[in-house]
Amino acid sequence: MTKTTYGTLAGLEPAVGLLAGLILIAQTPTLLQAAGAALVVAARIGAARRETRLCRVR
């Protein structure tokens, strides 16, 4: 598994936790919580993609 793949999967952790809470214990996230999870996932995916591009340039 590459570092980029691992980073992307690790970045999905907040979304997985949010979905697990929703499914397993019927915890409904607020709009702010859902937006926060989405922003963390987007930031991590963006960072992983940037890292991949930087490695190709060098």
N, C-alpha and C. Protein backbone atom coordinates (compact mmCIF):
# COMPACT_ATOMS: atom_id res chain seq x y z
N MET A 1 0.86 -1.16 0.00
CA MET A 1 0.00 0.00 0.00
C MET A 1 0.91 1.23 0.00
N THR A 2 0.61 2.15 -0.88
CA THR A 2 1.42 3.36 -0.96
C THR A 2 1.06 4.34 0.15
N LYS A 3 1.95 5.30 0.37
CA LYS A 3 1.69 6.31 1.39
C LYS A 3 0.45 7.14 1.04
N THR A 4 0.26 7.40 -0.24
CA THR A 4 -0.89 8.18 -0.68
C THR A 4 -2.19 7.43 -0.41
N THR A 5 -2.21 6.15 -0.71
CA THR A 5 -3.40 5.34 -0.46
C THR A 5 -3.71 5.28 1.03
N TYR A 6 -2.68 5.03 1.83
CA TYR A 6 -2.89 4.98 3.28
C TYR A 6 -3.39 6.33 3.81
N GLY A 7 -2.79 7.40 3.34
CA GLY A 7 -3.21 8.73 3.78
C GLY A 7 -4.65 9.02 3.43
N THR A 8 -5.05 8.61 2.25
CA THR A 8 -6.44 8.83 1.82
C THR A 8 -7.39 8.01 2.68
N LEU A 9 -7.07 6.75 2.92
CA LEU A 9 -7.92 5.91 3.76
C LEU A 9 -7.97 6.41 5.20
N ALA A 10 -6.84 6.86 5.73
CA ALA A 10 -6.82 7.41 7.08
C ALA A 10 -7.61 8.70 7.15
N GLY A 11 -7.61 9.45 6.06
CA GLY A 11 -8.37 10.70 6.01
C GLY A 11 -9.87 10.46 6.01
N LEU A 12 -10.28 9.27 5.63
CA LEU A 12 -11.71 8.94 5.62
C LEU A 12 -12.23 8.57 7.01
N GLU A 13 -11.33 8.47 7.98
CA GLU A 13 -11.72 8.04 9.33
C GLU A 13 -12.85 8.88 9.95
N PRO A 14 -12.83 10.21 9.84
CA PRO A 14 -13.95 10.98 10.42
C PRO A 14 -15.30 10.64 9.78
N ALA A 15 -15.29 10.43 8.48
CA ALA A 15 -16.54 10.10 7.79
C ALA A 15 -17.03 8.72 8.19
N VAL A 16 -16.12 7.78 8.35
CA VAL A 16 -16.49 6.43 8.77
C VAL A 16 -17.05 6.46 10.18
N GLY A 17 -16.42 7.23 11.06
CA GLY A 17 -16.91 7.37 12.42
C GLY A 17 -18.30 8.00 12.47
N LEU A 18 -18.50 9.00 11.63
CA LEU A 18 -19.81 9.65 11.57
C LEU A 18 -20.88 8.66 11.09
N LEU A 19 -20.56 7.90 10.05
CA LEU A 19 -21.52 6.91 9.54
C LEU A 19 -21.76 5.79 10.55
N ALA A 20 -20.71 5.37 11.26
CA ALA A 20 -20.87 4.32 12.26
C ALA A 20 -21.81 4.79 13.37
N GLY A 21 -21.63 6.01 13.82
CA GLY A 21 -22.52 6.56 14.84
C GLY A 21 -23.96 6.63 14.34
N LEU A 22 -24.12 7.00 13.09
CA LEU A 22 -25.45 7.11 12.51
C LEU A 22 -26.12 5.74 12.41
N ILE A 23 -25.38 4.74 11.97
CA ILE A 23 -25.95 3.41 11.76
C ILE A 23 -26.07 2.60 13.05
N LEU A 24 -24.99 2.59 13.84
CA LEU A 24 -24.95 1.71 15.01
C LEU A 24 -25.74 2.22 16.21
N ILE A 25 -25.68 3.53 16.46
CA ILE A 25 -26.35 4.04 17.65
C ILE A 25 -27.38 5.12 17.34
N ALA A 26 -27.72 5.24 16.07
CA ALA A 26 -28.75 6.19 15.62
C ALA A 26 -28.48 7.61 16.09
N GLN A 27 -27.21 7.99 16.09
CA GLN A 27 -26.81 9.34 16.48
C GLN A 27 -26.84 10.21 15.23
N THR A 28 -27.69 11.19 15.22
CA THR A 28 -27.81 12.07 14.07
C THR A 28 -26.83 13.24 14.21
N PRO A 29 -25.89 13.37 13.27
CA PRO A 29 -24.93 14.46 13.36
C PRO A 29 -25.59 15.80 13.01
N THR A 30 -25.09 16.85 13.63
CA THR A 30 -25.57 18.18 13.27
C THR A 30 -24.95 18.57 11.94
N LEU A 31 -25.46 19.62 11.36
CA LEU A 31 -24.92 20.11 10.10
C LEU A 31 -23.46 20.51 10.26
N LEU A 32 -23.13 21.12 11.39
CA LEU A 32 -21.76 21.53 11.65
C LEU A 32 -20.82 20.32 11.76
N GLN A 33 -21.26 19.27 12.41
CA GLN A 33 -20.45 18.07 12.54
C GLN A 33 -20.22 17.40 11.18
N ALA A 34 -21.26 17.32 10.38
CA ALA A 34 -21.14 16.72 9.06
C ALA A 34 -20.22 17.56 8.16
N ALA A 35 -20.36 18.87 8.24
CA ALA A 35 -19.49 19.75 7.46
C ALA A 35 -18.05 19.63 7.91
N GLY A 36 -17.82 19.52 9.21
CA GLY A 36 -16.47 19.36 9.73
C GLY A 36 -15.83 18.08 9.25
N ALA A 37 -16.57 17.00 9.28
CA ALA A 37 -16.04 15.72 8.78
C ALA A 37 -15.72 15.81 7.30
N ALA A 38 -16.59 16.44 6.54
CA ALA A 38 -16.36 16.59 5.10
C ALA A 38 -15.12 17.43 4.82
N LEU A 39 -14.92 18.49 5.60
CA LEU A 39 -13.75 19.33 5.40
C LEU A 39 -12.45 18.60 5.75
N VAL A 40 -12.47 17.80 6.80
CA VAL A 40 -11.28 17.03 7.18
C VAL A 40 -10.94 16.02 6.09
N VAL A 41 -11.94 15.34 5.58
CA VAL A 41 -11.72 14.35 4.51
C VAL A 41 -11.19 15.05 3.26
N ALA A 42 -11.80 16.16 2.88
CA ALA A 42 -11.36 16.89 1.69
C ALA A 42 -9.93 17.40 1.84
N ALA A 43 -9.59 17.90 3.02
CA ALA A 43 -8.24 18.39 3.25
C ALA A 43 -7.21 17.27 3.15
N ARG A 44 -7.52 16.12 3.72
CA ARG A 44 -6.57 15.01 3.68
C ARG A 44 -6.39 14.48 2.26
N ILE A 45 -7.48 14.38 1.51
CA ILE A 45 -7.38 13.92 0.13
C ILE A 45 -6.59 14.92 -0.70
N GLY A 46 -6.85 16.20 -0.48
CA GLY A 46 -6.09 17.24 -1.18
C GLY A 46 -4.61 17.19 -0.86
N ALA A 47 -4.28 16.96 0.41
CA ALA A 47 -2.88 16.86 0.81
C ALA A 47 -2.21 15.64 0.19
N ALA A 48 -2.92 14.53 0.13
CA ALA A 48 -2.36 13.32 -0.47
C ALA A 48 -2.12 13.52 -1.96
N ARG A 49 -3.04 14.18 -2.63
CA ARG A 49 -2.87 14.43 -4.07
C ARG A 49 -1.70 15.38 -4.32
N ARG A 50 -1.57 16.39 -3.47
CA ARG A 50 -0.47 17.34 -3.62
C ARG A 50 0.87 16.63 -3.40
N GLU A 51 0.92 15.76 -2.41
CA GLU A 51 2.14 15.02 -2.12
C GLU A 51 2.54 14.16 -3.31
N THR A 52 1.55 13.55 -3.96
CA THR A 52 1.83 12.71 -5.13
C THR A 52 2.40 13.56 -6.26
N ARG A 53 1.83 14.73 -6.49
CA ARG A 53 2.33 15.61 -7.56
C ARG A 53 3.74 16.09 -7.25
N LEU A 54 4.02 16.43 -6.00
CA LEU A 54 5.36 16.89 -5.64
C LEU A 54 6.39 15.78 -5.83
N CYS A 55 6.02 14.56 -5.55
CA CYS A 55 6.95 13.44 -5.72
C CYS A 55 7.25 13.21 -7.20
N ARG A 56 6.29 13.43 -8.07
CA ARG A 56 6.50 13.22 -9.50
C ARG A 56 7.40 14.30 -10.08
N VAL A 57 7.31 15.50 -9.56
CA VAL A 57 8.10 16.62 -10.09
C VAL A 57 9.57 16.42 -9.77
N ARG A 58 9.87 15.92 -8.61
CA ARG A 58 11.27 15.76 -8.19
C ARG A 58 11.92 14.69 -8.94
